[in-house]
N, C-alpha and C. Protein backbone atom coordinates (compact mmCIF):
# COMPACT_ATOMS: atom_id res chain seq x y z
N MET A 1 47.35 1.00 49.97
CA MET A 1 47.18 1.16 48.57
C MET A 1 46.08 2.20 48.29
N GLU A 2 46.32 3.00 47.32
CA GLU A 2 45.37 4.05 46.98
C GLU A 2 44.14 3.37 46.31
N ASN A 3 43.01 4.04 46.53
CA ASN A 3 41.78 3.53 45.93
C ASN A 3 41.87 3.72 44.38
N THR A 4 42.54 4.69 43.91
CA THR A 4 42.72 4.89 42.47
C THR A 4 43.41 3.68 41.84
N SER A 5 44.42 3.20 42.52
CA SER A 5 45.17 2.05 41.99
C SER A 5 44.25 0.84 41.92
N VAL A 6 43.42 0.63 42.89
CA VAL A 6 42.44 -0.46 42.88
C VAL A 6 41.45 -0.32 41.75
N ASN A 7 40.89 0.89 41.58
CA ASN A 7 39.92 1.11 40.52
C ASN A 7 40.58 0.88 39.17
N ASP A 8 41.83 1.39 38.97
CA ASP A 8 42.51 1.23 37.70
C ASP A 8 42.82 -0.21 37.43
N GLY A 9 43.10 -0.95 38.39
CA GLY A 9 43.52 -2.39 38.18
C GLY A 9 42.40 -3.37 38.24
N LYS A 10 41.21 -2.90 38.61
CA LYS A 10 40.10 -3.82 38.90
C LYS A 10 39.72 -4.61 37.61
N THR A 11 39.63 -3.96 36.47
CA THR A 11 39.29 -4.67 35.22
C THR A 11 40.33 -5.74 34.92
N VAL A 12 41.62 -5.37 35.04
CA VAL A 12 42.65 -6.33 34.83
C VAL A 12 42.51 -7.49 35.83
N ALA A 13 42.30 -7.18 37.09
CA ALA A 13 42.17 -8.23 38.12
C ALA A 13 41.05 -9.25 37.80
N ILE A 14 39.90 -8.74 37.39
CA ILE A 14 38.78 -9.58 37.09
C ILE A 14 39.01 -10.42 35.86
N ILE A 15 39.48 -9.79 34.81
CA ILE A 15 39.81 -10.55 33.55
C ILE A 15 40.83 -11.63 33.74
N ALA A 16 41.77 -11.40 34.64
CA ALA A 16 42.80 -12.39 34.90
C ALA A 16 42.25 -13.72 35.38
N TYR A 17 41.11 -13.74 35.95
CA TYR A 17 40.49 -14.99 36.41
C TYR A 17 39.71 -15.71 35.36
N LEU A 18 39.66 -15.17 34.12
CA LEU A 18 38.91 -15.84 33.04
C LEU A 18 39.78 -16.82 32.29
N TRP A 19 40.49 -17.61 33.01
CA TRP A 19 41.40 -18.65 32.59
C TRP A 19 42.46 -18.17 31.65
N LEU A 20 42.99 -19.01 30.82
CA LEU A 20 44.18 -18.71 30.05
C LEU A 20 44.05 -17.50 29.15
N ILE A 21 42.98 -17.44 28.35
CA ILE A 21 42.83 -16.35 27.39
C ILE A 21 42.60 -15.03 28.18
N GLY A 22 41.80 -15.08 29.22
CA GLY A 22 41.58 -13.88 30.06
C GLY A 22 42.89 -13.47 30.76
N TRP A 23 43.66 -14.41 31.22
CA TRP A 23 44.91 -14.07 31.84
C TRP A 23 45.87 -13.37 30.87
N VAL A 24 45.94 -13.91 29.65
CA VAL A 24 46.84 -13.27 28.66
C VAL A 24 46.36 -11.83 28.39
N ILE A 25 45.06 -11.66 28.21
CA ILE A 25 44.50 -10.29 27.91
C ILE A 25 44.76 -9.36 29.13
N ALA A 26 44.58 -9.95 30.35
CA ALA A 26 44.86 -9.14 31.55
C ALA A 26 46.28 -8.70 31.63
N LEU A 27 47.21 -9.64 31.30
CA LEU A 27 48.64 -9.30 31.31
C LEU A 27 48.94 -8.23 30.29
N ILE A 28 48.36 -8.25 29.09
CA ILE A 28 48.62 -7.26 28.10
C ILE A 28 48.07 -5.92 28.59
N LEU A 29 46.84 -5.91 29.15
CA LEU A 29 46.25 -4.69 29.65
C LEU A 29 47.05 -4.14 30.80
N HIS A 30 47.56 -5.02 31.64
CA HIS A 30 48.29 -4.62 32.81
C HIS A 30 49.62 -3.96 32.39
N ASN A 31 50.28 -4.50 31.40
CA ASN A 31 51.52 -3.92 30.95
C ASN A 31 51.32 -2.53 30.37
N GLY A 32 50.11 -2.17 29.91
CA GLY A 32 49.83 -0.84 29.50
C GLY A 32 49.55 0.14 30.56
N ASN A 33 49.08 -0.40 31.73
CA ASN A 33 48.81 0.50 32.89
C ASN A 33 48.98 -0.35 34.19
N LYS A 34 50.23 -0.34 34.63
CA LYS A 34 50.60 -1.20 35.76
C LYS A 34 50.06 -0.61 37.08
N THR A 35 49.43 -1.49 37.82
CA THR A 35 49.00 -1.16 39.19
C THR A 35 49.37 -2.32 40.08
N SER A 36 49.59 -2.04 41.33
CA SER A 36 49.96 -3.14 42.27
C SER A 36 48.75 -4.09 42.44
N PHE A 37 47.52 -3.55 42.39
CA PHE A 37 46.30 -4.37 42.52
C PHE A 37 46.17 -5.33 41.37
N GLY A 38 46.40 -4.81 40.13
CA GLY A 38 46.34 -5.66 38.94
C GLY A 38 47.43 -6.76 38.99
N ALA A 39 48.66 -6.36 39.37
CA ALA A 39 49.73 -7.32 39.46
C ALA A 39 49.46 -8.41 40.44
N PHE A 40 48.88 -8.00 41.58
CA PHE A 40 48.57 -9.04 42.62
C PHE A 40 47.68 -10.12 42.09
N HIS A 41 46.63 -9.68 41.41
CA HIS A 41 45.62 -10.64 40.95
C HIS A 41 46.11 -11.40 39.67
N VAL A 42 46.99 -10.81 38.88
CA VAL A 42 47.58 -11.54 37.75
C VAL A 42 48.41 -12.71 38.29
N ARG A 43 49.14 -12.41 39.40
CA ARG A 43 49.98 -13.47 39.98
C ARG A 43 49.11 -14.56 40.68
N GLN A 44 48.03 -14.14 41.38
CA GLN A 44 47.17 -15.11 42.01
C GLN A 44 46.54 -16.04 40.99
N SER A 45 46.04 -15.44 39.91
CA SER A 45 45.35 -16.21 38.87
C SER A 45 46.33 -17.15 38.21
N LEU A 46 47.54 -16.72 37.90
CA LEU A 46 48.56 -17.59 37.34
C LEU A 46 48.81 -18.78 38.28
N GLY A 47 48.98 -18.54 39.50
CA GLY A 47 49.23 -19.66 40.43
C GLY A 47 48.04 -20.64 40.51
N ILE A 48 46.83 -20.14 40.46
CA ILE A 48 45.68 -21.06 40.49
C ILE A 48 45.63 -21.84 39.19
N MET A 49 45.93 -21.23 38.05
CA MET A 49 45.92 -21.92 36.80
C MET A 49 46.95 -23.01 36.74
N ILE A 50 48.15 -22.71 37.18
CA ILE A 50 49.24 -23.74 37.18
C ILE A 50 48.88 -24.88 38.17
N LEU A 51 48.34 -24.50 39.30
CA LEU A 51 47.91 -25.52 40.25
C LEU A 51 46.80 -26.38 39.62
N GLY A 52 45.85 -25.76 38.89
CA GLY A 52 44.77 -26.47 38.27
C GLY A 52 45.31 -27.46 37.20
N ILE A 53 46.37 -27.09 36.47
CA ILE A 53 46.94 -27.96 35.45
C ILE A 53 47.61 -29.18 36.21
N LEU A 54 48.29 -28.92 37.27
CA LEU A 54 48.89 -29.96 38.02
C LEU A 54 47.92 -30.93 38.56
N VAL A 55 46.80 -30.43 39.08
CA VAL A 55 45.74 -31.26 39.62
C VAL A 55 45.08 -32.05 38.51
N TRP A 56 44.92 -31.44 37.31
CA TRP A 56 44.37 -32.20 36.17
C TRP A 56 45.22 -33.39 35.84
N ILE A 57 46.54 -33.18 35.75
CA ILE A 57 47.46 -34.25 35.49
C ILE A 57 47.39 -35.36 36.54
N LEU A 58 47.32 -34.90 37.78
CA LEU A 58 47.18 -35.88 38.91
C LEU A 58 45.90 -36.64 38.80
N ASN A 59 44.84 -35.95 38.43
CA ASN A 59 43.53 -36.57 38.25
C ASN A 59 43.61 -37.73 37.22
N LEU A 60 44.27 -37.48 36.16
CA LEU A 60 44.44 -38.50 35.13
C LEU A 60 45.10 -39.75 35.69
N SER A 61 46.15 -39.52 36.45
CA SER A 61 46.89 -40.62 37.10
C SER A 61 46.02 -41.34 38.11
N LEU A 62 45.30 -40.56 38.95
CA LEU A 62 44.43 -41.22 39.94
C LEU A 62 43.31 -41.98 39.34
N ALA A 63 42.77 -41.47 38.19
CA ALA A 63 41.72 -42.21 37.54
C ALA A 63 42.20 -43.55 37.02
N MET A 64 43.39 -43.62 36.54
CA MET A 64 43.94 -44.90 36.09
C MET A 64 44.12 -45.86 37.23
N LEU A 65 44.31 -45.32 38.43
CA LEU A 65 44.48 -46.20 39.61
C LEU A 65 43.19 -46.47 40.28
N GLY A 66 42.08 -45.93 39.76
CA GLY A 66 40.79 -46.17 40.36
C GLY A 66 40.53 -45.31 41.59
N MET A 67 41.24 -44.19 41.74
CA MET A 67 41.12 -43.40 42.92
C MET A 67 40.64 -41.95 42.51
N SER A 68 39.61 -41.92 41.60
CA SER A 68 39.14 -40.69 41.06
C SER A 68 38.46 -39.83 42.14
N PHE A 69 38.01 -40.38 43.25
CA PHE A 69 37.37 -39.60 44.27
C PHE A 69 38.32 -38.53 44.82
N LEU A 70 39.58 -38.89 44.99
CA LEU A 70 40.56 -37.92 45.49
C LEU A 70 40.78 -36.83 44.48
N GLY A 71 40.76 -37.22 43.23
CA GLY A 71 40.89 -36.21 42.16
C GLY A 71 39.77 -35.19 42.18
N TRP A 72 38.55 -35.68 42.39
CA TRP A 72 37.37 -34.77 42.47
C TRP A 72 37.52 -33.82 43.60
N ILE A 73 38.00 -34.28 44.74
CA ILE A 73 38.16 -33.37 45.91
C ILE A 73 39.20 -32.29 45.57
N LEU A 74 40.28 -32.68 44.93
CA LEU A 74 41.31 -31.66 44.56
C LEU A 74 40.76 -30.70 43.56
N SER A 75 39.97 -31.18 42.58
CA SER A 75 39.38 -30.31 41.58
C SER A 75 38.41 -29.30 42.23
N ILE A 76 37.64 -29.74 43.19
CA ILE A 76 36.75 -28.86 43.89
C ILE A 76 37.53 -27.79 44.69
N ALA A 77 38.67 -28.19 45.27
CA ALA A 77 39.53 -27.25 46.02
C ALA A 77 40.05 -26.16 45.04
N ILE A 78 40.41 -26.55 43.85
CA ILE A 78 40.93 -25.55 42.84
C ILE A 78 39.77 -24.61 42.50
N LEU A 79 38.56 -25.16 42.31
CA LEU A 79 37.43 -24.31 41.99
C LEU A 79 37.14 -23.28 43.12
N VAL A 80 37.25 -23.73 44.34
CA VAL A 80 37.06 -22.87 45.51
C VAL A 80 38.15 -21.75 45.49
N LEU A 81 39.35 -22.11 45.23
CA LEU A 81 40.43 -21.03 45.18
C LEU A 81 40.14 -20.08 44.09
N TRP A 82 39.69 -20.55 42.95
CA TRP A 82 39.36 -19.67 41.78
C TRP A 82 38.22 -18.70 42.18
N VAL A 83 37.15 -19.24 42.82
CA VAL A 83 36.01 -18.37 43.23
C VAL A 83 36.48 -17.35 44.25
N LEU A 84 37.26 -17.78 45.22
CA LEU A 84 37.75 -16.82 46.23
C LEU A 84 38.63 -15.73 45.62
N GLY A 85 39.47 -16.05 44.67
CA GLY A 85 40.29 -15.05 43.99
C GLY A 85 39.43 -14.10 43.19
N LEU A 86 38.50 -14.65 42.46
CA LEU A 86 37.57 -13.79 41.67
C LEU A 86 36.76 -12.82 42.53
N ILE A 87 36.27 -13.33 43.60
CA ILE A 87 35.45 -12.58 44.58
C ILE A 87 36.32 -11.40 45.14
N SER A 88 37.59 -11.73 45.46
CA SER A 88 38.53 -10.75 45.98
C SER A 88 38.74 -9.66 44.98
N ALA A 89 38.91 -10.04 43.65
CA ALA A 89 39.12 -9.04 42.62
C ALA A 89 37.91 -8.16 42.44
N ILE A 90 36.70 -8.77 42.45
CA ILE A 90 35.45 -8.01 42.24
C ILE A 90 35.27 -7.01 43.35
N GLN A 91 35.60 -7.45 44.61
CA GLN A 91 35.41 -6.55 45.77
C GLN A 91 36.55 -5.54 45.93
N GLY A 92 37.58 -5.61 45.09
CA GLY A 92 38.72 -4.66 45.21
C GLY A 92 39.61 -4.92 46.36
N GLU A 93 39.73 -6.18 46.72
CA GLU A 93 40.55 -6.55 47.88
C GLU A 93 41.85 -7.23 47.45
N ILE A 94 42.89 -7.00 48.21
CA ILE A 94 44.15 -7.72 48.02
C ILE A 94 44.21 -8.75 49.14
N LYS A 95 43.64 -9.91 48.81
CA LYS A 95 43.55 -11.00 49.76
C LYS A 95 44.05 -12.27 49.12
N PRO A 96 45.22 -12.79 49.53
CA PRO A 96 45.71 -14.03 48.90
C PRO A 96 44.78 -15.17 49.12
N VAL A 97 44.72 -16.08 48.16
CA VAL A 97 43.91 -17.28 48.28
C VAL A 97 44.51 -18.14 49.40
N PRO A 98 43.71 -18.97 50.04
CA PRO A 98 44.24 -19.84 51.12
C PRO A 98 45.31 -20.78 50.63
N VAL A 99 46.14 -21.16 51.54
CA VAL A 99 47.21 -22.14 51.46
C VAL A 99 48.42 -21.63 50.62
N LEU A 100 48.26 -21.33 49.36
CA LEU A 100 49.42 -20.95 48.52
C LEU A 100 49.43 -19.51 47.98
N GLY A 101 48.45 -18.74 48.34
CA GLY A 101 48.37 -17.40 47.81
C GLY A 101 49.60 -16.52 48.05
N ILE A 102 50.15 -16.59 49.24
CA ILE A 102 51.30 -15.80 49.56
C ILE A 102 52.51 -16.32 48.76
N GLN A 103 52.62 -17.63 48.62
CA GLN A 103 53.72 -18.19 47.80
C GLN A 103 53.59 -17.79 46.38
N PHE A 104 52.34 -17.70 45.79
CA PHE A 104 52.09 -17.28 44.42
C PHE A 104 52.78 -15.90 44.24
N GLN A 105 52.60 -15.05 45.20
CA GLN A 105 53.09 -13.66 45.06
C GLN A 105 54.63 -13.70 45.01
N ASP A 106 55.23 -14.55 45.80
CA ASP A 106 56.66 -14.66 45.86
C ASP A 106 57.22 -15.41 44.59
N TRP A 107 56.58 -16.52 44.25
CA TRP A 107 57.06 -17.30 43.13
C TRP A 107 56.96 -16.55 41.80
N PHE A 108 55.91 -15.76 41.63
CA PHE A 108 55.67 -15.07 40.35
C PHE A 108 55.90 -13.61 40.43
N LYS A 109 56.77 -13.16 41.32
CA LYS A 109 56.99 -11.73 41.53
C LYS A 109 57.54 -11.05 40.27
N SER A 110 58.09 -11.78 39.31
CA SER A 110 58.58 -11.11 38.08
C SER A 110 57.42 -10.95 37.06
N VAL A 111 56.27 -11.56 37.38
CA VAL A 111 55.11 -11.37 36.48
C VAL A 111 54.29 -10.18 36.96
N GLY A 112 54.04 -9.32 36.06
CA GLY A 112 53.20 -8.14 36.42
C GLY A 112 54.08 -7.06 36.90
């Protein structure tokens, strides 16, 4: 990938990790100036957000069952994925987040 593509998409990539409103803004910006770097991070961020929503729903269920400890562990894992994605965007790297990052690229290939 060209360095120009990374520099052009870096703002989009970083904004994409600012949760839902940032993701929407990043998607709009990205559609105005598409780069593979921006698209990569828009997809990574979308996957992390969806995973976060699923974990939040699971946390509610686990809390009702008195197993909130497991929910906290999953929430911390989502936070770690988010931090890793954001750091990758800031550093200008195309590095998928652990476990599901490659799948996010495949599942959301139509986004970006």
